[in-house]
Amino acid sequence: MTDGNNHPVLIIGGGISGIVCALELYRLGVSVTLIEKEVSLGGLAARFCCKASEACNKCFACVVDKKLKEINEQSQISQLTGAEITGVAGDQGSYKVSFTKAGKVSELEAAAIVVAAGIDPFDASEKGEYGYGVIKNVVTARDLEEMLRFQGKIYRPSDGKVPQNIAFIQCVGSRDESIGNRYCSQVCCAYALRLIRAIRHKYPEVNATFLYMDIQPAGASFHDFLNACREDKGIRFIRSLPSRVYHSPVTEDLRVRLADTERGEVVEEPFDMVVLSVGMVLNKEAKTLANLLGLCRNEEGFLAGPAPGNGIFVAGACTGPKDIDRSITHAKSTAASVHNFLQGR
């Protein structure tokens, strides 16, 4: 199908954005090499669980699985996994890229480069007041997600029991001037609420408390979804971000200190488990690539697009916080831009 062998494209990053961009370019007849530093494709999104409850909650985890299957069945898209970019030479659409794989240094040529390096979840241990990494029953939303994805259940790390009363703390690592991350990660509210709904569907006896600054809308159907969450008697909304999490060394139960805005006083509430909704930060690979490729970073620390016409493009959440749906849309748009660039050479 491909007839673009004279205009090969290198896509750096094998997460959902890189995968979708590769598939779109292949359909447009462009020769593509996809390079990923991990040993398998999929990135962060491949570890997400389906969050359907009574109906699909549009988390798009199933779309990631579908795209992974599609690209792994497509032998004409070259995949280099377990490989890391070490150098880039050339400009104006004629690049030589060196990389290492299994200790061996190799080189390839590319007419265009797409950086789809993705993000990392914020390291919750940097917010010491919440006790992540020290208090056993404080976990991140990603930890909880992986429990459901790979073990099919949720449990307290301290004793393996199903928690009955869970606090979800929003904006951990986002909208926080004390750590220099003043931006909103945009997806965390919808992500946590979808996770809560999925847990409540599987464990109707579990109660969840959603502790937030304000709720960031996500998608055309989010308003109806949020209303459904508010109508669920097992989900409690408190507009207050906790200042500290304590635990009992005897029971491993937790107490969360927060401001009760209705009563105008500070209170401590008991929970079995605390889940931290961590924000997004640019990952280390993307920072290295920015230096190699001369990419700028925006005021929020994510990658800004390079000057038009030089054959370097950026795609997905490395350009700023995005959920799976928006990452896919951005990857498709980037693929169209790459194709237009190649056609104009």
Protein backbone atom coordinates (compact mmCIF):
# COMPACT_ATOMS: atom_id res chain seq x y z
CA MET A 1 0.00 0.00 0.00
CA THR A 2 2.73 2.45 0.88
CA ASP A 3 4.39 4.43 -1.87
CA GLY A 4 6.13 6.96 0.34
CA ASN A 5 9.47 5.18 0.67
CA ASN A 6 11.27 8.26 -0.62
CA HIS A 7 9.71 10.26 2.20
CA PRO A 8 10.03 8.09 5.31
CA VAL A 9 8.64 9.35 8.59
CA LEU A 10 10.03 8.52 12.01
CA ILE A 11 7.56 8.59 14.90
CA ILE A 12 9.17 8.73 18.33
CA GLY A 13 6.89 7.30 20.99
CA GLY A 14 4.70 4.22 20.83
CA GLY A 15 1.81 5.36 23.01
CA ILE A 16 -1.68 5.94 21.67
CA SER A 17 -0.72 9.17 19.86
CA GLY A 18 2.27 7.58 18.13
CA ILE A 19 0.26 4.49 17.18
CA VAL A 20 -2.64 6.47 15.71
CA CYS A 21 -0.30 8.80 13.84
CA ALA A 22 1.54 5.79 12.36
CA LEU A 23 -1.69 4.11 11.27
CA GLU A 24 -3.03 7.30 9.70
CA LEU A 25 0.19 7.94 7.77
CA TYR A 26 0.30 4.34 6.58
CA ARG A 27 -3.24 4.71 5.21
CA LEU A 28 -2.07 7.83 3.38
CA GLY A 29 0.69 5.81 1.68
CA VAL A 30 3.59 7.03 3.80
CA SER A 31 6.44 4.77 4.91
CA VAL A 32 6.60 4.85 8.72
CA THR A 33 9.02 3.70 11.40
CA LEU A 34 7.73 3.77 14.97
CA ILE A 35 10.36 3.81 17.69
CA GLU A 36 9.65 3.18 21.38
CA LYS A 37 12.06 3.01 24.30
CA GLU A 38 9.97 0.42 26.17
CA VAL A 39 9.87 -3.21 25.05
CA SER A 40 6.24 -2.99 23.94
CA LEU A 41 3.89 -0.43 22.45
CA GLY A 42 0.93 1.15 24.18
CA GLY A 43 2.44 3.56 26.66
CA LEU A 44 0.55 4.73 29.71
CA ALA A 45 -2.89 4.33 28.13
CA ALA A 46 -2.37 0.59 27.60
CA ARG A 47 -2.49 0.12 31.38
CA PHE A 48 -5.91 1.73 31.75
CA CYS A 49 -8.93 -0.40 32.58
CA CYS A 50 -12.38 -0.19 31.02
CA LYS A 51 -14.52 2.09 33.18
CA ALA A 52 -17.94 1.04 31.94
CA SER A 53 -20.64 0.83 34.59
CA GLU A 54 -24.30 0.39 33.56
CA ALA A 55 -23.21 1.78 30.19
CA CYS A 56 -20.03 2.87 28.43
CA ASN A 57 -18.52 5.88 30.20
CA LYS A 58 -16.41 6.91 27.18
CA CYS A 59 -13.01 6.38 28.80
CA PHE A 60 -11.68 5.08 25.42
CA ALA A 61 -9.53 2.35 27.03
CA CYS A 62 -11.10 -0.14 24.61
CA VAL A 63 -10.01 2.05 21.68
CA VAL A 64 -6.39 1.78 22.86
CA ASP A 65 -6.64 -2.02 22.88
CA LYS A 66 -8.16 -1.94 19.38
CA LYS A 67 -5.42 0.32 17.98
CA LEU A 68 -2.71 -1.81 19.59
CA LYS A 69 -4.13 -4.91 17.95
CA GLU A 70 -4.38 -3.10 14.63
CA ILE A 71 -0.78 -1.89 14.56
CA ASN A 72 0.63 -5.22 15.77
CA GLU A 73 -1.14 -6.90 12.86
CA GLN A 74 0.28 -4.37 10.39
CA SER A 75 3.66 -5.75 9.32
CA GLN A 76 4.38 -2.89 6.90
CA ILE A 77 4.78 -0.39 9.73
CA SER A 78 8.31 -0.85 11.03
CA GLN A 79 8.47 -1.09 14.83
CA LEU A 80 11.63 -0.56 16.86
CA THR A 81 10.90 -1.28 20.51
CA GLY A 82 13.45 -1.18 23.31
CA ALA A 83 15.26 1.53 21.33
CA GLU A 84 16.36 4.99 22.38
CA ILE A 85 17.22 8.04 20.28
CA THR A 86 20.79 9.24 20.89
CA GLY A 87 21.37 11.82 18.18
CA VAL A 88 19.79 13.79 15.35
CA ALA A 89 21.60 15.49 12.46
CA GLY A 90 20.36 17.39 9.41
CA ASP A 91 17.51 19.80 8.90
CA GLN A 92 14.77 20.99 6.55
CA GLY A 93 13.21 17.57 6.07
CA SER A 94 16.38 15.52 5.70
CA TYR A 95 17.39 13.95 8.98
CA LYS A 96 19.75 11.24 10.12
CA VAL A 97 18.71 9.78 13.46
CA SER A 98 20.94 7.54 15.56
CA PHE A 99 19.56 5.19 18.19
CA THR A 100 20.65 2.34 20.42
CA LYS A 101 18.91 -1.01 20.68
CA ALA A 102 20.27 -3.92 22.70
CA GLY A 103 23.58 -2.07 23.05
CA LYS A 104 23.98 -1.61 19.31
CA VAL A 105 24.11 1.83 17.69
CA SER A 106 22.22 2.20 14.40
CA GLU A 107 21.10 5.01 12.14
CA LEU A 108 18.11 5.72 9.95
CA GLU A 109 17.02 8.51 7.65
CA ALA A 110 13.78 10.43 7.85
CA ALA A 111 12.15 13.18 5.84
CA ALA A 112 9.99 14.06 8.82
CA ILE A 113 10.00 13.35 12.54
CA VAL A 114 6.98 13.19 14.81
CA VAL A 115 7.59 13.45 18.55
CA ALA A 116 4.81 11.65 20.44
CA ALA A 117 6.71 11.05 23.65
CA GLY A 118 3.73 11.34 26.00
CA ILE A 119 3.65 12.29 29.67
CA ASP A 120 4.39 10.87 33.09
CA PRO A 121 1.99 10.89 36.02
CA PHE A 122 3.11 13.37 38.67
CA ASP A 123 5.20 11.71 41.39
CA ALA A 124 2.77 11.79 44.31
CA SER A 125 5.56 11.27 46.84
CA GLU A 126 6.53 14.91 46.22
CA LYS A 127 3.37 15.88 48.12
CA GLY A 128 4.59 14.52 51.44
CA GLU A 129 1.52 15.70 53.34
CA TYR A 130 -0.53 12.99 51.65
CA GLY A 131 1.83 10.17 52.63
CA TYR A 132 2.16 8.39 49.30
CA GLY A 133 4.95 5.82 49.48
CA VAL A 134 4.89 5.94 53.29
CA ILE A 135 1.27 5.20 54.23
CA LYS A 136 0.28 1.85 52.73
CA ASN A 137 -3.36 2.64 52.01
CA VAL A 138 -2.65 5.87 50.15
CA VAL A 139 -2.48 5.00 46.45
CA THR A 140 -2.67 6.90 43.17
CA ALA A 141 -5.51 6.61 40.69
CA ARG A 142 -3.07 4.84 38.39
CA ASP A 143 -2.34 2.24 41.11
CA LEU A 144 -6.07 1.63 41.50
CA GLU A 145 -6.50 1.49 37.74
CA GLU A 146 -3.85 -1.23 37.46
CA MET A 147 -5.49 -3.24 40.24
CA LEU A 148 -8.66 -3.36 38.14
CA ARG A 149 -6.88 -3.89 34.83
CA PHE A 150 -4.54 -6.68 35.82
CA GLN A 151 -6.14 -8.24 38.90
CA GLY A 152 -9.80 -7.50 38.30
CA LYS A 153 -10.38 -6.15 41.81
CA ILE A 154 -9.60 -3.36 44.25
CA TYR A 155 -8.07 -3.91 47.66
CA ARG A 156 -6.27 -2.16 50.49
CA PRO A 157 -2.53 -2.80 50.15
CA SER A 158 -2.23 -3.23 53.93
CA ASP A 159 -4.56 -6.22 54.28
CA GLY A 160 -5.99 -7.13 50.85
CA LYS A 161 -9.54 -6.27 51.91
CA VAL A 162 -12.01 -4.34 49.77
CA PRO A 163 -12.12 -0.75 51.12
CA GLN A 164 -15.60 0.41 52.09
CA ASN A 165 -15.00 4.15 52.28
CA ILE A 166 -12.59 5.75 49.79
CA ALA A 167 -11.48 9.37 49.49
CA PHE A 168 -10.46 10.63 46.04
CA ILE A 169 -8.25 13.73 46.28
CA GLN A 170 -8.05 15.82 43.11
CA CYS A 171 -5.36 18.17 41.76
CA VAL A 172 -2.35 16.30 43.18
CA GLY A 173 0.50 17.80 41.19
CA SER A 174 -1.70 20.24 39.26
CA ARG A 175 -2.85 23.78 39.99
CA ASP A 176 -0.26 23.88 42.71
CA GLU A 177 2.05 26.89 42.81
CA SER A 178 4.11 25.38 45.64
CA ILE A 179 5.57 22.80 43.22
CA GLY A 180 5.55 25.04 40.15
CA ASN A 181 2.69 23.27 38.37
CA ARG A 182 0.09 25.99 38.08
CA TYR A 183 -1.73 24.45 35.10
CA CYS A 184 -4.81 22.22 35.23
CA SER A 185 -4.20 18.68 33.93
CA GLN A 186 -7.76 18.82 32.54
CA VAL A 187 -8.53 15.10 32.48
CA CYS A 188 -8.26 14.16 36.17
CA CYS A 189 -11.81 15.03 37.26
CA ALA A 190 -13.53 12.98 34.56
CA TYR A 191 -10.94 10.23 34.93
CA ALA A 192 -11.50 9.90 38.70
CA LEU A 193 -15.29 10.05 38.40
CA ARG A 194 -15.30 7.35 35.72
CA LEU A 195 -13.13 5.24 37.98
CA ILE A 196 -15.51 5.82 40.90
CA ARG A 197 -18.53 4.86 38.79
CA ALA A 198 -16.79 1.68 37.62
CA ILE A 199 -15.92 0.75 41.22
CA ARG A 200 -19.45 1.51 42.46
CA HIS A 201 -20.85 -0.69 39.68
CA LYS A 202 -18.59 -3.59 40.66
CA TYR A 203 -18.81 -2.95 44.42
CA PRO A 204 -22.16 -1.25 45.21
CA GLU A 205 -21.34 -1.32 48.93
CA VAL A 206 -18.30 0.94 48.48
CA ASN A 207 -18.78 4.64 49.22
CA ALA A 208 -16.62 7.29 47.57
CA THR A 209 -15.91 10.89 48.58
CA PHE A 210 -14.75 13.20 45.78
CA LEU A 211 -12.61 16.05 47.17
CA TYR A 212 -12.04 18.79 44.63
CA MET A 213 -11.17 22.42 43.93
CA ASP A 214 -13.57 22.71 41.00
CA ILE A 215 -14.67 20.24 38.34
CA GLN A 216 -13.16 20.49 34.86
CA PRO A 217 -15.70 19.47 32.16
CA ALA A 218 -14.52 16.92 29.61
CA GLY A 219 -16.48 16.22 26.45
CA ALA A 220 -20.00 16.93 25.20
CA SER A 221 -21.64 14.24 27.34
CA PHE A 222 -19.78 15.08 30.56
CA HIS A 223 -22.58 17.22 32.01
CA ASP A 224 -25.03 14.29 31.93
CA PHE A 225 -22.38 11.98 33.35
CA LEU A 226 -21.63 14.40 36.18
CA ASN A 227 -25.33 14.67 37.00
CA ALA A 228 -25.54 10.87 37.18
CA CYS A 229 -22.61 10.87 39.61
CA ARG A 230 -24.26 13.52 41.76
CA GLU A 231 -27.46 11.48 41.89
CA ASP A 232 -25.56 8.40 43.08
CA LYS A 233 -26.07 8.25 46.86
CA GLY A 234 -22.80 6.37 47.24
CA ILE A 235 -20.77 9.32 45.89
CA ARG A 236 -20.26 12.38 48.07
CA PHE A 237 -18.89 15.66 46.65
CA ILE A 238 -16.92 17.97 48.94
CA ARG A 239 -15.42 21.16 47.51
CA SER A 240 -12.30 21.20 49.63
CA LEU A 241 -8.75 19.99 49.08
CA PRO A 242 -7.28 18.22 52.14
CA SER A 243 -4.22 19.58 53.88
CA ARG A 244 -2.99 16.29 55.32
CA VAL A 245 -3.55 12.53 55.55
CA TYR A 246 -2.80 10.65 58.79
CA HIS A 247 -2.95 6.96 59.54
CA SER A 248 -3.37 4.68 62.52
CA PRO A 249 -0.44 2.23 62.79
CA VAL A 250 -2.75 -0.22 64.58
CA THR A 251 -5.63 -0.41 62.09
CA GLU A 252 -4.02 1.21 59.00
CA ASP A 253 -7.18 3.33 58.76
CA LEU A 254 -6.76 6.91 57.57
CA ARG A 255 -7.90 10.32 58.66
CA VAL A 256 -8.09 13.18 56.18
CA ARG A 257 -7.85 16.78 57.37
CA LEU A 258 -9.85 19.29 55.35
CA ALA A 259 -11.73 22.55 55.62
CA ASP A 260 -15.49 22.13 55.97
CA THR A 261 -16.67 25.18 54.05
CA GLU A 262 -20.27 24.80 55.18
CA ARG A 263 -19.38 24.85 58.87
CA GLY A 264 -16.38 27.11 58.46
CA GLU A 265 -14.01 24.86 60.41
CA VAL A 266 -11.26 22.30 59.92
CA VAL A 267 -12.36 18.68 60.38
CA GLU A 268 -10.81 15.23 60.13
CA GLU A 269 -12.75 12.47 58.38
CA PRO A 270 -12.05 8.71 58.54
CA PHE A 271 -11.45 6.59 55.42
CA ASP A 272 -10.22 3.05 54.67
CA MET A 273 -8.24 4.20 51.66
CA VAL A 274 -7.16 7.42 49.93
CA VAL A 275 -6.73 7.71 46.15
CA LEU A 276 -4.65 10.58 44.75
CA SER A 277 -5.64 11.86 41.31
CA VAL A 278 -2.22 12.87 40.05
CA GLY A 279 -1.70 15.36 37.26
CA MET A 280 0.43 15.13 34.12
CA VAL A 281 4.04 16.22 33.63
CA LEU A 282 6.28 16.03 30.59
CA ASN A 283 8.29 12.82 30.68
CA LYS A 284 12.07 12.58 30.74
CA GLU A 285 12.37 11.25 27.18
CA ALA A 286 10.46 14.24 25.81
CA LYS A 287 12.78 16.63 27.64
CA THR A 288 15.81 14.92 26.09
CA LEU A 289 14.23 14.99 22.64
CA ALA A 290 13.45 18.67 23.01
CA ASN A 291 17.17 19.33 23.43
CA LEU A 292 18.17 17.07 20.53
CA LEU A 293 15.62 18.53 18.13
CA GLY A 294 15.71 22.14 19.25
CA LEU A 295 12.11 22.13 20.42
CA CYS A 296 10.86 24.84 22.73
CA ARG A 297 8.67 24.29 25.76
CA ASN A 298 5.62 26.33 26.59
CA GLU A 299 5.02 28.14 29.87
CA GLU A 300 3.45 25.00 31.36
CA GLY A 301 6.56 22.94 30.57
CA PHE A 302 5.16 20.90 27.66
CA LEU A 303 6.49 20.78 24.10
CA ALA A 304 5.70 23.67 21.80
CA GLY A 305 5.56 23.08 18.08
CA PRO A 306 8.74 23.86 16.09
CA ALA A 307 8.91 26.42 13.31
CA PRO A 308 6.69 25.42 10.35
CA GLY A 309 8.33 23.75 7.40
CA ASN A 310 11.29 21.99 8.99
CA GLY A 311 9.71 18.53 9.08
CA ILE A 312 9.52 18.15 12.85
CA PHE A 313 6.09 17.72 14.43
CA VAL A 314 4.74 17.07 17.91
CA ALA A 315 1.65 15.04 18.77
CA GLY A 316 -0.45 14.06 21.76
CA ALA A 317 -0.18 14.82 25.44
CA CYS A 318 3.49 15.87 25.29
CA THR A 319 2.12 19.15 23.89
CA GLY A 320 -0.16 19.61 26.91
CA PRO A 321 -2.56 17.51 29.03
CA LYS A 322 -4.99 15.44 26.97
CA ASP A 323 -7.21 12.43 27.54
CA ILE A 324 -7.20 9.45 25.17
CA ASP A 325 -9.90 10.87 22.91
CA ARG A 326 -8.17 14.23 22.46
CA SER A 327 -4.78 12.54 22.02
CA ILE A 328 -6.23 10.47 19.16
CA THR A 329 -7.75 13.56 17.53
CA HIS A 330 -4.47 15.45 17.81
CA ALA A 331 -2.51 12.51 16.38
CA LYS A 332 -4.80 12.35 13.34
CA SER A 333 -4.43 16.08 12.80
CA THR A 334 -0.64 15.77 13.07
CA ALA A 335 -0.61 12.93 10.52
CA ALA A 336 -2.49 15.15 8.06
CA SER A 337 0.04 17.94 8.63
CA VAL A 338 2.95 15.56 8.05
CA HIS A 339 1.37 14.30 4.83
CA ASN A 340 0.87 17.87 3.57
CA PHE A 341 4.51 18.64 4.37
CA LEU A 342 5.71 15.61 2.40
CA GLN A 343 3.47 16.43 -0.55
CA GLY A 344 4.94 19.91 -0.71
CA ARG A 345 8.58 18.77 -0.86
